[in-house]
């Protein structure tokens, strides 16, 4: 009879330990999933900030390129005007040279 009681107690203890182990595993899995979700959310948020920063840099770069093209066009125009002014100055110098 003692062996039967000892066997039943062993089986009950084994079953209880299995149930407790399963509950602990389930709880730890939920905690791990929650932690992993938070980490993923933080990562996606930071990626979003980086993406917005890059887009801002690209917009500023495009504006600078536009300004650069404008400056080049103005420089070409100024060079042309300077050439014409030099030709006029040279013509005036020739006109006013002593003979």
C-alpha atoms as a PDB file:
ATOM      1  CA  UNK A   1       0.000   0.000   0.000  1.00  0.00           C
ATOM      2  CA  UNK A   2       2.843   2.350   0.792  1.00  0.00           C
ATOM      3  CA  UNK A   3       4.259   1.801  -2.668  1.00  0.00           C
ATOM      4  CA  UNK A   4       0.929   2.658  -4.232  1.00  0.00           C
ATOM      5  CA  UNK A   5       0.676   5.889  -2.239  1.00  0.00           C
ATOM      6  CA  UNK A   6       4.315   6.680  -2.984  1.00  0.00           C
ATOM      7  CA  UNK A   7       3.681   6.056  -6.704  1.00  0.00           C
ATOM      8  CA  UNK A   8       0.570   8.278  -6.705  1.00  0.00           C
ATOM      9  CA  UNK A   9       2.440  11.046  -4.884  1.00  0.00           C
ATOM     10  CA  UNK A  10       5.308  10.770  -7.366  1.00  0.00           C
ATOM     11  CA  UNK A  11       2.900  10.936 -10.296  1.00  0.00           C
ATOM     12  CA  UNK A  12       1.074  13.958  -8.813  1.00  0.00           C
ATOM     13  CA  UNK A  13       4.376  15.740  -8.097  1.00  0.00           C
ATOM     14  CA  UNK A  14       5.605  14.963 -11.630  1.00  0.00           C
ATOM     15  CA  UNK A  15       2.357  16.229 -13.142  1.00  0.00           C
ATOM     16  CA  UNK A  16       2.486  19.392 -10.999  1.00  0.00           C
ATOM     17  CA  UNK A  17       6.085  20.029 -12.037  1.00  0.00           C
ATOM     18  CA  UNK A  18       5.106  19.633 -15.707  1.00  0.00           C
ATOM     19  CA  UNK A  19       2.219  22.081 -15.312  1.00  0.00           C
ATOM     20  CA  UNK A  20       4.404  24.609 -13.464  1.00  0.00           C
ATOM     21  CA  UNK A  21       7.151  24.258 -16.093  1.00  0.00           C
ATOM     22  CA  UNK A  22       4.629  24.800 -18.906  1.00  0.00           C
ATOM     23  CA  UNK A  23       3.186  27.892 -17.173  1.00  0.00           C
ATOM     24  CA  UNK A  24       6.665  29.326 -16.582  1.00  0.00           C
ATOM     25  CA  UNK A  25       7.613  28.684 -20.218  1.00  0.00           C
ATOM     26  CA  UNK A  26       4.404  30.332 -21.400  1.00  0.00           C
ATOM     27  CA  UNK A  27       4.981  33.366 -19.166  1.00  0.00           C
ATOM     28  CA  UNK A  28       8.610  33.728 -20.279  1.00  0.00           C
ATOM     29  CA  UNK A  29       7.594  33.434 -23.930  1.00  0.00           C
ATOM     30  CA  UNK A  30       5.056  36.232 -23.539  1.00  0.00           C
ATOM     31  CA  UNK A  31       7.646  38.420 -21.807  1.00  0.00           C
ATOM     32  CA  UNK A  32      10.226  37.673 -24.505  1.00  0.00           C
ATOM     33  CA  UNK A  33       7.695  38.416 -27.260  1.00  0.00           C
ATOM     34  CA  UNK A  34       6.756  41.699 -25.594  1.00  0.00           C
ATOM     35  CA  UNK A  35      10.425  42.692 -25.229  1.00  0.00           C
ATOM     36  CA  UNK A  36      11.176  41.737 -28.808  1.00  0.00           C
ATOM     37  CA  UNK A  37       8.186  43.766 -30.002  1.00  0.00           C
ATOM     38  CA  UNK A  38       9.383  46.835 -28.124  1.00  0.00           C
ATOM     39  CA  UNK A  39      12.876  46.466 -29.573  1.00  0.00           C
ATOM     40  CA  UNK A  40      11.464  46.117 -33.084  1.00  0.00           C
ATOM     41  CA  UNK A  41       9.291  49.188 -32.568  1.00  0.00           C
ATOM     42  CA  UNK A  42      12.253  51.237 -31.396  1.00  0.00           C
ATOM     43  CA  UNK A  43      14.288  50.035 -34.368  1.00  0.00           C
ATOM     44  CA  UNK A  44      11.552  50.954 -36.866  1.00  0.00           C
ATOM     45  CA  UNK A  45      11.124  54.357 -35.229  1.00  0.00           C
ATOM     46  CA  UNK A  46      14.838  55.074 -35.464  1.00  0.00           C
ATOM     47  CA  UNK A  47      14.858  53.940 -39.100  1.00  0.00           C
ATOM     48  CA  UNK A  48      12.002  56.356 -39.762  1.00  0.00           C
ATOM     49  CA  UNK A  49      13.995  59.219 -38.240  1.00  0.00           C
ATOM     50  CA  UNK A  50      17.027  58.287 -40.339  1.00  0.00           C
ATOM     51  CA  UNK A  51      14.882  58.130 -43.482  1.00  0.00           C
ATOM     52  CA  UNK A  52      13.414  61.585 -42.799  1.00  0.00           C
ATOM     53  CA  UNK A  53      16.907  62.952 -42.185  1.00  0.00           C
ATOM     54  CA  UNK A  54      18.179  61.557 -45.473  1.00  0.00           C
ATOM     55  CA  UNK A  55      15.184  62.958 -47.340  1.00  0.00           C
ATOM     56  CA  UNK A  56      15.884  66.388 -45.814  1.00  0.00           C
ATOM     57  CA  UNK A  57      19.522  66.201 -46.880  1.00  0.00           C
ATOM     58  CA  UNK A  58      18.483  65.198 -50.409  1.00  0.00           C
ATOM     59  CA  UNK A  59      16.092  68.169 -50.635  1.00  0.00           C
ATOM     60  CA  UNK A  60      18.797  70.576 -49.486  1.00  0.00           C
ATOM     61  CA  UNK A  61      21.238  69.049 -51.955  1.00  0.00           C
ATOM     62  CA  UNK A  62      18.758  69.537 -54.805  1.00  0.00           C
ATOM     63  CA  UNK A  63      18.299  73.193 -53.793  1.00  0.00           C
ATOM     64  CA  UNK A  64      22.065  73.674 -53.730  1.00  0.00           C
ATOM     65  CA  UNK A  65      22.395  72.084 -57.162  1.00  0.00           C
ATOM     66  CA  UNK A  66      19.744  74.462 -58.503  1.00  0.00           C
ATOM     67  CA  UNK A  67      21.546  77.428 -56.964  1.00  0.00           C
ATOM     68  CA  UNK A  68      24.856  76.181 -58.382  1.00  0.00           C
ATOM     69  CA  UNK A  69      23.385  75.993 -61.892  1.00  0.00           C
ATOM     70  CA  UNK A  70      21.982  79.507 -61.456  1.00  0.00           C
ATOM     71  CA  UNK A  71      25.373  80.839 -60.320  1.00  0.00           C
ATOM     72  CA  UNK A  72      27.110  79.173 -63.287  1.00  0.00           C
ATOM     73  CA  UNK A  73      24.621  80.793 -65.679  1.00  0.00           C
ATOM     74  CA  UNK A  74      25.187  84.193 -64.060  1.00  0.00           C
ATOM     75  CA  UNK A  75      28.966  83.701 -64.190  1.00  0.00           C
ATOM     76  CA  UNK A  76      28.794  82.920 -67.906  1.00  0.00           C
ATOM     77  CA  UNK A  77      26.748  86.079 -68.457  1.00  0.00           C
ATOM     78  CA  UNK A  78      29.203  88.165 -66.434  1.00  0.00           C
ATOM     79  CA  UNK A  79      32.178  86.738 -68.344  1.00  0.00           C
ATOM     80  CA  UNK A  80      30.493  87.710 -71.599  1.00  0.00           C
ATOM     81  CA  UNK A  81      29.869  91.237 -70.315  1.00  0.00           C
ATOM     82  CA  UNK A  82      33.478  91.527 -69.129  1.00  0.00           C
ATOM     83  CA  UNK A  83      34.759  90.491 -72.571  1.00  0.00           C
ATOM     84  CA  UNK A  84      32.608  93.164 -74.207  1.00  0.00           C
ATOM     85  CA  UNK A  85      33.763  95.757 -71.675  1.00  0.00           C
ATOM     86  CA  UNK A  86      37.417  94.889 -72.334  1.00  0.00           C
ATOM     87  CA  UNK A  87      36.868  95.256 -76.078  1.00  0.00           C
ATOM     88  CA  UNK A  88      35.339  98.708 -75.514  1.00  0.00           C
ATOM     89  CA  UNK A  89      38.173  99.708 -73.186  1.00  0.00           C
ATOM     90  CA  UNK A  90      40.744  98.536 -75.729  1.00  0.00           C
ATOM     91  CA  UNK A  91      38.956 100.525 -78.438  1.00  0.00           C
ATOM     92  CA  UNK A  92      38.961 103.648 -76.225  1.00  0.00           C
ATOM     93  CA  UNK A  93      42.668 103.188 -75.480  1.00  0.00           C
ATOM     94  CA  UNK A  94      43.405 102.964 -79.215  1.00  0.00           C
ATOM     95  CA  UNK A  95      41.300 106.060 -79.853  1.00  0.00           C
ATOM     96  CA  UNK A  96      43.066 108.108 -77.161  1.00  0.00           C
ATOM     97  CA  UNK A  97      46.641 107.050 -77.934  1.00  0.00           C
ATOM     98  CA  UNK A  98      48.877 109.843 -78.983  1.00  0.00           C
ATOM     99  CA  UNK A  99      49.725 109.744 -82.673  1.00  0.00           C
END
